[in-house]
Amino acid sequence: MRLRALFLGTGTSHGVPMIGCRCPVCTSDDPRDHRNRPGLLLRTEELSLLVDAPTELRLACIRYRVERVDAVLFTHHHADHIFGLDDIRRFNVERDGPIECYGTRETLAEIRKTFRYAFGTRHYGGGLPVLRLIPVDGRFRVGDLEFLTLPVWHGPTPVTGFRAGGFAYLTDVKTIPRETLPLLQGLDTLILGVLRWREHPTHLSVSEALELLDIIRPGRTYFTHIAHDLGHRETEERLPPGVRLAYDGLELEVDI
């Protein structure tokens, strides 16, 4: 099966450029240095599936002509990964029904709390997203894709990565538990959250990510969730073969 993965956003929680910053990356003319908050769209012949609902979801969907979303996978509940969720209501109209949202019980509970207006009985006025929350743990299927959850740690926060065949998406990760490492073997394509060169308490640095890649050895790797510390051109010149920086609008094709 052919899977297409479109990067709707590859930035960190601030986005790039950051408000008020005049650093070389934030003032760069290279469009690859302009990064929305992180999100991904996975597409097959049967399915159009969001991974997270980032803050600029509406703008990204307009820019990249995303006209269909069937469901959403959530990695965790932090603002940059869920604050575009209200824009899902446009896809309710297109589907004429609810949008299924998959995540751990903890993540879905936080989403229900944050967007309580969408789940309660009180009518607040205006349009509401219609969502069906589906907890997952281990193997599960969405349309024609079978996924495996990949538990990791974002500092003290649990985060869920997802694997489908030889493809995996791991964002906002600092520590990978010993029991998760075997689930990352045999990958053709890995998308991995990597923040900057310097160490960070809740995100992988470039050097930490490269050490991890020496262990799991995927065929190719794309870094995402990138801060303004990493200019696209300059960083790619320093990365080893098979490791690239993703950028907004990049689309990968993967056989799974």
C-alpha atoms as a PDB file:
ATOM      1  CA  MET A   1       0.000   0.000   0.000  1.00  0.00           C
ATOM      2  CA  ARG A   2       1.195   3.503  -0.811  1.00  0.00           C
ATOM      3  CA  LEU A   3       1.026   6.044   2.034  1.00  0.00           C
ATOM      4  CA  ARG A   4       1.521   9.773   1.526  1.00  0.00           C
ATOM      5  CA  ALA A   5       2.581  11.919   4.483  1.00  0.00           C
ATOM      6  CA  LEU A   6       2.161  15.703   4.157  1.00  0.00           C
ATOM      7  CA  PHE A   7       3.793  17.969   6.752  1.00  0.00           C
ATOM      8  CA  LEU A   8       1.247  20.630   7.719  1.00  0.00           C
ATOM      9  CA  GLY A   9       3.668  22.068  10.269  1.00  0.00           C
ATOM     10  CA  THR A  10       7.207  21.308  11.416  1.00  0.00           C
ATOM     11  CA  GLY A  11       7.790  23.970  14.069  1.00  0.00           C
ATOM     12  CA  THR A  12       7.953  23.927  17.821  1.00  0.00           C
ATOM     13  CA  SER A  13       5.252  25.277  20.133  1.00  0.00           C
ATOM     14  CA  HIS A  14       6.207  28.912  19.376  1.00  0.00           C
ATOM     15  CA  GLY A  15       6.288  28.375  15.631  1.00  0.00           C
ATOM     16  CA  VAL A  16       8.999  29.912  13.464  1.00  0.00           C
ATOM     17  CA  PRO A  17       9.402  32.867  13.153  1.00  0.00           C
ATOM     18  CA  MET A  18       8.851  33.477  16.863  1.00  0.00           C
ATOM     19  CA  ILE A  19       7.064  36.624  17.961  1.00  0.00           C
ATOM     20  CA  GLY A  20       9.549  39.442  18.485  1.00  0.00           C
ATOM     21  CA  CYS A  21      12.632  37.467  17.424  1.00  0.00           C
ATOM     22  CA  ARG A  22      15.129  38.892  14.919  1.00  0.00           C
ATOM     23  CA  CYS A  23      17.522  35.938  14.787  1.00  0.00           C
ATOM     24  CA  PRO A  24      18.847  34.754  11.395  1.00  0.00           C
ATOM     25  CA  VAL A  25      16.322  31.904  11.166  1.00  0.00           C
ATOM     26  CA  CYS A  26      13.305  33.984  12.191  1.00  0.00           C
ATOM     27  CA  THR A  27      14.236  36.600   9.566  1.00  0.00           C
ATOM     28  CA  SER A  28      15.230  34.052   6.913  1.00  0.00           C
ATOM     29  CA  ASP A  29      13.943  34.331   3.335  1.00  0.00           C
ATOM     30  CA  ASP A  30      14.087  30.542   2.962  1.00  0.00           C
ATOM     31  CA  PRO A  31      10.467  29.305   3.076  1.00  0.00           C
ATOM     32  CA  ARG A  32      11.693  26.086   4.691  1.00  0.00           C
ATOM     33  CA  ASP A  33      12.530  28.157   7.784  1.00  0.00           C
ATOM     34  CA  HIS A  34       8.878  29.234   8.162  1.00  0.00           C
ATOM     35  CA  ARG A  35       7.309  26.578  10.379  1.00  0.00           C
ATOM     36  CA  ASN A  36       3.749  26.174  11.591  1.00  0.00           C
ATOM     37  CA  ARG A  37       3.051  24.258  14.774  1.00  0.00           C
ATOM     38  CA  PRO A  38       3.506  20.502  14.193  1.00  0.00           C
ATOM     39  CA  GLY A  39       0.969  18.422  12.315  1.00  0.00           C
ATOM     40  CA  LEU A  40       0.853  15.705   9.672  1.00  0.00           C
ATOM     41  CA  LEU A  41      -1.709  14.464   7.147  1.00  0.00           C
ATOM     42  CA  LEU A  42      -1.607  10.779   6.171  1.00  0.00           C
ATOM     43  CA  ARG A  43      -3.394   9.749   2.981  1.00  0.00           C
ATOM     44  CA  THR A  44      -4.133   6.485   1.226  1.00  0.00           C
ATOM     45  CA  GLU A  45      -6.619   5.754  -1.555  1.00  0.00           C
ATOM     46  CA  GLU A  46      -9.328   5.314   1.096  1.00  0.00           C
ATOM     47  CA  LEU A  47      -8.326   7.572   3.977  1.00  0.00           C
ATOM     48  CA  SER A  48      -7.341  11.138   4.897  1.00  0.00           C
ATOM     49  CA  LEU A  49      -6.065  11.148   8.467  1.00  0.00           C
ATOM     50  CA  LEU A  50      -4.692  13.985  10.594  1.00  0.00           C
ATOM     51  CA  VAL A  51      -2.000  13.425  13.181  1.00  0.00           C
ATOM     52  CA  ASP A  52      -2.747  16.129  15.773  1.00  0.00           C
ATOM     53  CA  ALA A  53      -4.744  19.318  15.219  1.00  0.00           C
ATOM     54  CA  PRO A  54      -2.132  22.091  15.410  1.00  0.00           C
ATOM     55  CA  THR A  55      -2.848  25.739  16.064  1.00  0.00           C
ATOM     56  CA  GLU A  56      -2.584  26.774  12.380  1.00  0.00           C
ATOM     57  CA  LEU A  57      -4.708  23.861  11.119  1.00  0.00           C
ATOM     58  CA  ARG A  58      -7.145  26.032   9.162  1.00  0.00           C
ATOM     59  CA  LEU A  59      -4.369  28.001   7.471  1.00  0.00           C
ATOM     60  CA  ALA A  60      -2.425  24.849   6.617  1.00  0.00           C
ATOM     61  CA  CYS A  61      -5.501  23.163   5.132  1.00  0.00           C
ATOM     62  CA  ILE A  62      -6.155  26.185   2.934  1.00  0.00           C
ATOM     63  CA  ARG A  63      -2.521  26.485   1.888  1.00  0.00           C
ATOM     64  CA  TYR A  64      -2.140  22.809   1.001  1.00  0.00           C
ATOM     65  CA  ARG A  65      -5.698  22.316  -0.293  1.00  0.00           C
ATOM     66  CA  VAL A  66      -6.728  19.776   2.292  1.00  0.00           C
ATOM     67  CA  GLU A  67     -10.439  19.311   1.637  1.00  0.00           C
ATOM     68  CA  ARG A  68     -11.067  16.042   3.428  1.00  0.00           C
ATOM     69  CA  VAL A  69     -10.309  14.717   6.905  1.00  0.00           C
ATOM     70  CA  ASP A  70     -11.813  11.413   8.032  1.00  0.00           C
ATOM     71  CA  ALA A  71     -10.252  11.083  11.488  1.00  0.00           C
ATOM     72  CA  VAL A  72      -7.547  12.428  13.813  1.00  0.00           C
ATOM     73  CA  LEU A  73      -4.780  10.684  15.760  1.00  0.00           C
ATOM     74  CA  PHE A  74      -3.594  12.583  18.835  1.00  0.00           C
ATOM     75  CA  THR A  75      -0.082  12.190  20.208  1.00  0.00           C
ATOM     76  CA  HIS A  76      -0.806  14.160  23.408  1.00  0.00           C
ATOM     77  CA  HIS A  77      -2.798  17.093  24.737  1.00  0.00           C
ATOM     78  CA  HIS A  78      -0.374  20.048  24.664  1.00  0.00           C
ATOM     79  CA  ALA A  79      -1.733  23.254  23.136  1.00  0.00           C
ATOM     80  CA  ASP A  80       0.328  23.229  19.933  1.00  0.00           C
ATOM     81  CA  HIS A  81      -1.068  19.781  19.110  1.00  0.00           C
ATOM     82  CA  ILE A  82      -4.774  20.288  19.858  1.00  0.00           C
ATOM     83  CA  PHE A  83      -5.683  23.982  19.620  1.00  0.00           C
ATOM     84  CA  GLY A  84      -6.758  23.661  15.978  1.00  0.00           C
ATOM     85  CA  LEU A  85      -9.403  21.119  16.912  1.00  0.00           C
ATOM     86  CA  ASP A  86     -12.334  23.515  16.583  1.00  0.00           C
ATOM     87  CA  ASP A  87     -11.534  23.851  12.865  1.00  0.00           C
ATOM     88  CA  ILE A  88     -12.474  20.186  12.479  1.00  0.00           C
ATOM     89  CA  ARG A  89     -16.114  21.287  12.320  1.00  0.00           C
ATOM     90  CA  ARG A  90     -15.620  22.252   8.686  1.00  0.00           C
ATOM     91  CA  PHE A  91     -14.855  18.614   7.939  1.00  0.00           C
ATOM     92  CA  ASN A  92     -17.997  17.578   9.833  1.00  0.00           C
ATOM     93  CA  VAL A  93     -19.902  19.398   7.109  1.00  0.00           C
ATOM     94  CA  GLU A  94     -17.937  17.699   4.345  1.00  0.00           C
ATOM     95  CA  ARG A  95     -18.436  14.254   5.913  1.00  0.00           C
ATOM     96  CA  ASP A  96     -21.978  14.943   7.098  1.00  0.00           C
ATOM     97  CA  GLY A  97     -21.108  13.238  10.370  1.00  0.00           C
ATOM     98  CA  PRO A  98     -18.731  13.104  13.335  1.00  0.00           C
ATOM     99  CA  ILE A  99     -14.950  12.971  13.098  1.00  0.00           C
ATOM    100  CA  GLU A 100     -13.354  10.078  14.982  1.00  0.00           C
ATOM    101  CA  CYS A 101     -10.507  11.105  17.297  1.00  0.00           C
ATOM    102  CA  TYR A 102      -8.025   8.462  18.487  1.00  0.00           C
ATOM    103  CA  GLY A 103      -5.646   8.755  21.427  1.00  0.00           C
ATOM    104  CA  THR A 104      -4.853   7.395  24.857  1.00  0.00           C
ATOM    105  CA  ARG A 105      -7.513   7.682  27.545  1.00  0.00           C
ATOM    106  CA  GLU A 106      -5.462  10.371  29.283  1.00  0.00           C
ATOM    107  CA  THR A 107      -5.087  12.444  26.119  1.00  0.00           C
ATOM    108  CA  LEU A 108      -8.769  12.184  25.236  1.00  0.00           C
ATOM    109  CA  ALA A 109      -9.786  13.114  28.780  1.00  0.00           C
ATOM    110  CA  GLU A 110      -7.702  16.295  28.534  1.00  0.00           C
ATOM    111  CA  ILE A 111      -9.208  17.095  25.126  1.00  0.00           C
ATOM    112  CA  ARG A 112     -12.697  16.636  26.545  1.00  0.00           C
ATOM    113  CA  LYS A 113     -11.797  19.008  29.390  1.00  0.00           C
ATOM    114  CA  THR A 114     -10.224  21.662  27.143  1.00  0.00           C
ATOM    115  CA  PHE A 115     -13.038  21.580  24.586  1.00  0.00           C
ATOM    116  CA  ARG A 116     -15.855  20.916  27.035  1.00  0.00           C
ATOM    117  CA  TYR A 117     -18.206  23.164  25.043  1.00  0.00           C
ATOM    118  CA  ALA A 118     -18.136  20.551  22.271  1.00  0.00           C
ATOM    119  CA  PHE A 119     -19.157  17.673  24.548  1.00  0.00           C
ATOM    120  CA  GLY A 120     -21.637  19.131  27.032  1.00  0.00           C
ATOM    121  CA  THR A 121     -25.395  19.551  26.789  1.00  0.00           C
ATOM    122  CA  ARG A 122     -25.311  23.340  27.069  1.00  0.00           C
ATOM    123  CA  HIS A 123     -25.468  25.192  23.753  1.00  0.00           C
ATOM    124  CA  TYR A 124     -22.947  28.032  23.569  1.00  0.00           C
ATOM    125  CA  GLY A 125     -23.973  29.392  20.178  1.00  0.00           C
ATOM    126  CA  GLY A 126     -22.149  29.117  16.891  1.00  0.00           C
ATOM    127  CA  GLY A 127     -20.924  25.960  15.222  1.00  0.00           C
ATOM    128  CA  LEU A 128     -19.516  23.089  17.240  1.00  0.00           C
ATOM    129  CA  PRO A 129     -17.125  20.343  16.209  1.00  0.00           C
ATOM    130  CA  VAL A 130     -18.797  16.937  16.358  1.00  0.00           C
ATOM    131  CA  LEU A 131     -16.226  14.465  17.647  1.00  0.00           C
ATOM    132  CA  ARG A 132     -16.252  10.783  18.532  1.00  0.00           C
ATOM    133  CA  LEU A 133     -13.448   9.992  20.995  1.00  0.00           C
ATOM    134  CA  ILE A 134     -11.956   6.504  20.667  1.00  0.00           C
ATOM    135  CA  PRO A 135      -9.277   5.391  23.172  1.00  0.00           C
ATOM    136  CA  VAL A 136      -6.463   3.244  21.781  1.00  0.00           C
ATOM    137  CA  ASP A 137      -3.619   1.211  23.221  1.00  0.00           C
ATOM    138  CA  GLY A 138      -1.565  -1.238  21.186  1.00  0.00           C
ATOM    139  CA  ARG A 139      -2.872  -2.209  17.753  1.00  0.00           C
ATOM    140  CA  PHE A 140      -5.867  -0.527  16.161  1.00  0.00           C
ATOM    141  CA  ARG A 141      -7.240   0.162  12.696  1.00  0.00           C
ATOM    142  CA  VAL A 142      -8.449   3.348  11.033  1.00  0.00           C
ATOM    143  CA  GLY A 143      -9.866   2.721   7.576  1.00  0.00           C
ATOM    144  CA  ASP A 144      -7.311   0.757   5.582  1.00  0.00           C
ATOM    145  CA  LEU A 145      -4.409   1.548   7.940  1.00  0.00           C
ATOM    146  CA  GLU A 146      -3.366  -0.590  10.897  1.00  0.00           C
ATOM    147  CA  PHE A 147      -1.449   1.262  13.606  1.00  0.00           C
ATOM    148  CA  LEU A 148       0.640   0.342  16.612  1.00  0.00           C
ATOM    149  CA  THR A 149       0.938   2.803  19.498  1.00  0.00           C
ATOM    150  CA  LEU A 150       4.477   3.733  20.575  1.00  0.00           C
ATOM    151  CA  PRO A 151       4.642   4.992  24.190  1.00  0.00           C
ATOM    152  CA  VAL A 152       7.398   7.557  24.823  1.00  0.00           C
ATOM    153  CA  TRP A 153       8.102  10.339  27.330  1.00  0.00           C
ATOM    154  CA  HIS A 154       8.123  14.102  26.738  1.00  0.00           C
ATOM    155  CA  GLY A 155       9.864  14.926  30.005  1.00  0.00           C
ATOM    156  CA  PRO A 156       7.196  14.011  32.607  1.00  0.00           C
ATOM    157  CA  THR A 157       4.407  13.870  30.003  1.00  0.00           C
ATOM    158  CA  PRO A 158       3.446  10.611  28.280  1.00  0.00           C
ATOM    159  CA  VAL A 159       3.254  10.928  24.499  1.00  0.00           C
ATOM    160  CA  THR A 160       2.048   8.411  21.945  1.00  0.00           C
ATOM    161  CA  GLY A 161       3.858   7.769  18.696  1.00  0.00           C
ATOM    162  CA  PHE A 162       2.286   5.764  15.907  1.00  0.00           C
ATOM    163  CA  ARG A 163       3.618   3.101  13.563  1.00  0.00           C
ATOM    164  CA  ALA A 164       1.983   1.819  10.359  1.00  0.00           C
ATOM    165  CA  GLY A 165       4.018  -0.823   8.565  1.00  0.00           C
ATOM    166  CA  GLY A 166       7.490   0.580   7.977  1.00  0.00           C
ATOM    167  CA  PHE A 167       6.451   4.161   8.816  1.00  0.00           C
ATOM    168  CA  ALA A 168       6.540   5.780  12.274  1.00  0.00           C
ATOM    169  CA  TYR A 169       5.832   9.242  13.709  1.00  0.00           C
ATOM    170  CA  LEU A 170       7.387  10.253  17.036  1.00  0.00           C
ATOM    171  CA  THR A 171       7.129  13.870  18.087  1.00  0.00           C
ATOM    172  CA  ASP A 172       7.763  15.611  21.415  1.00  0.00           C
ATOM    173  CA  VAL A 173      10.027  12.863  22.696  1.00  0.00           C
ATOM    174  CA  LYS A 174      12.888  12.972  25.175  1.00  0.00           C
ATOM    175  CA  THR A 175      13.026   9.395  26.440  1.00  0.00           C
ATOM    176  CA  ILE A 176      12.072   6.147  24.723  1.00  0.00           C
ATOM    177  CA  PRO A 177      11.267   3.342  27.180  1.00  0.00           C
ATOM    178  CA  ARG A 178      13.187   0.108  26.824  1.00  0.00           C
ATOM    179  CA  GLU A 179      10.002  -1.770  25.932  1.00  0.00           C
ATOM    180  CA  THR A 180       9.252   0.633  23.053  1.00  0.00           C
ATOM    181  CA  LEU A 181      12.644   0.313  21.334  1.00  0.00           C
ATOM    182  CA  PRO A 182      11.918  -3.119  19.776  1.00  0.00           C
ATOM    183  CA  LEU A 183       8.754  -1.642  18.225  1.00  0.00           C
ATOM    184  CA  LEU A 184      10.958   0.772  16.254  1.00  0.00           C
ATOM    185  CA  GLN A 185      13.029  -1.869  14.497  1.00  0.00           C
ATOM    186  CA  GLY A 186      12.767  -2.398  10.742  1.00  0.00           C
ATOM    187  CA  LEU A 187      11.475   1.062   9.858  1.00  0.00           C
ATOM    188  CA  ASP A 188      11.743   2.414   6.346  1.00  0.00           C
ATOM    189  CA  THR A 189      10.762   5.985   7.326  1.00  0.00           C
ATOM    190  CA  LEU A 190      10.878   7.648  10.741  1.00  0.00           C
ATOM    191  CA  ILE A 191       9.616  11.147  11.515  1.00  0.00           C
ATOM    192  CA  LEU A 192      11.231  12.257  14.758  1.00  0.00           C
ATOM    193  CA  GLY A 193      10.815  15.360  16.903  1.00  0.00           C
ATOM    194  CA  VAL A 194      14.172  17.138  17.326  1.00  0.00           C
ATOM    195  CA  LEU A 195      14.244  20.614  18.816  1.00  0.00           C
ATOM    196  CA  ARG A 196      17.733  22.123  18.533  1.00  0.00           C
ATOM    197  CA  TRP A 197      21.488  21.525  18.899  1.00  0.00           C
ATOM    198  CA  ARG A 198      21.582  22.217  22.641  1.00  0.00           C
ATOM    199  CA  GLU A 199      20.146  19.782  25.162  1.00  0.00           C
ATOM    200  CA  HIS A 200      16.585  20.402  26.359  1.00  0.00           C
ATOM    201  CA  PRO A 201      14.783  18.844  29.354  1.00  0.00           C
ATOM    202  CA  THR A 202      11.775  17.555  27.392  1.00  0.00           C
ATOM    203  CA  HIS A 203      12.892  17.284  23.745  1.00  0.00           C
ATOM    204  CA  LEU A 204      15.645  15.471  21.885  1.00  0.00           C
ATOM    205  CA  SER A 205      18.636  17.486  20.727  1.00  0.00           C
ATOM    206  CA  VAL A 206      20.269  16.736  17.386  1.00  0.00           C
ATOM    207  CA  SER A 207      23.105  14.752  18.984  1.00  0.00           C
ATOM    208  CA  GLU A 208      20.691  12.743  21.148  1.00  0.00           C
ATOM    209  CA  ALA A 209      18.576  11.962  18.096  1.00  0.00           C
ATOM    210  CA  LEU A 210      21.582  10.775  16.108  1.00  0.00           C
ATOM    211  CA  GLU A 211      22.583   8.478  18.972  1.00  0.00           C
ATOM    212  CA  LEU A 212      19.064   7.035  18.936  1.00  0.00           C
ATOM    213  CA  LEU A 213      19.212   6.502  15.175  1.00  0.00           C
ATOM    214  CA  ASP A 214      22.406   4.482  15.613  1.00  0.00           C
ATOM    215  CA  ILE A 215      20.331   2.082  17.723  1.00  0.00           C
ATOM    216  CA  ILE A 216      17.123   1.753  15.694  1.00  0.00           C
ATOM    217  CA  ARG A 217      18.643   2.327  12.225  1.00  0.00           C
ATOM    218  CA  PRO A 218      15.649   3.377  10.102  1.00  0.00           C
ATOM    219  CA  GLY A 219      16.057   3.599   6.343  1.00  0.00           C
ATOM    220  CA  ARG A 220      15.531   7.358   6.382  1.00  0.00           C
ATOM    221  CA  THR A 221      14.663   9.934   9.031  1.00  0.00           C
ATOM    222  CA  TYR A 222      13.052  13.362   8.925  1.00  0.00           C
ATOM    223  CA  PHE A 223      13.320  15.704  11.899  1.00  0.00           C
ATOM    224  CA  THR A 224      10.262  17.766  12.835  1.00  0.00           C
ATOM    225  CA  HIS A 225       9.091  19.960  15.759  1.00  0.00           C
ATOM    226  CA  ILE A 226      12.063  22.225  15.023  1.00  0.00           C
ATOM    227  CA  ALA A 227      12.946  25.397  16.937  1.00  0.00           C
ATOM    228  CA  HIS A 228      14.429  28.579  15.490  1.00  0.00           C
ATOM    229  CA  ASP A 229      17.899  27.376  16.525  1.00  0.00           C
ATOM    230  CA  LEU A 230      18.062  25.186  13.398  1.00  0.00           C
ATOM    231  CA  GLY A 231      18.267  26.912  10.031  1.00  0.00           C
ATOM    232  CA  HIS A 232      17.211  24.501   7.306  1.00  0.00           C
ATOM    233  CA  ARG A 233      20.110  24.798   4.873  1.00  0.00           C
ATOM    234  CA  GLU A 234      22.857  25.090   7.481  1.00  0.00           C
ATOM    235  CA  THR A 235      21.533  22.155   9.521  1.00  0.00           C
ATOM    236  CA  GLU A 236      21.094  19.805   6.572  1.00  0.00           C
ATOM    237  CA  GLU A 237      24.722  20.406   5.589  1.00  0.00           C
ATOM    238  CA  ARG A 238      25.763  18.963   8.965  1.00  0.00           C
ATOM    239  CA  LEU A 239      23.467  15.930   9.052  1.00  0.00           C
ATOM    240  CA  PRO A 240      24.610  12.443   8.023  1.00  0.00           C
ATOM    241  CA  PRO A 241      23.241  10.646   4.951  1.00  0.00           C
ATOM    242  CA  GLY A 242      19.678   9.445   5.361  1.00  0.00           C
ATOM    243  CA  VAL A 243      18.781  12.169   7.882  1.00  0.00           C
ATOM    244  CA  ARG A 244      16.934  15.299   6.757  1.00  0.00           C
ATOM    245  CA  LEU A 245      15.033  18.246   8.176  1.00  0.00           C
ATOM    246  CA  ALA A 246      11.364  18.226   7.254  1.00  0.00           C
ATOM    247  CA  TYR A 247       9.663  21.462   6.227  1.00  0.00           C
ATOM    248  CA  ASP A 248       6.090  22.667   5.905  1.00  0.00           C
ATOM    249  CA  GLY A 249       4.532  21.360   2.693  1.00  0.00           C
ATOM    250  CA  LEU A 250       6.968  18.477   2.232  1.00  0.00           C
ATOM    251  CA  GLU A 251       5.177  15.299   1.164  1.00  0.00           C
ATOM    252  CA  LEU A 252       6.708  11.844   1.505  1.00  0.00           C
ATOM    253  CA  GLU A 253       5.612   8.625  -0.159  1.00  0.00           C
ATOM    254  CA  VAL A 254       6.056   5.366   1.726  1.00  0.00           C
ATOM    255  CA  ASP A 255       5.227   1.783   0.793  1.00  0.00           C
ATOM    256  CA  ILE A 256       3.785   0.057   3.861  1.00  0.00           C
END
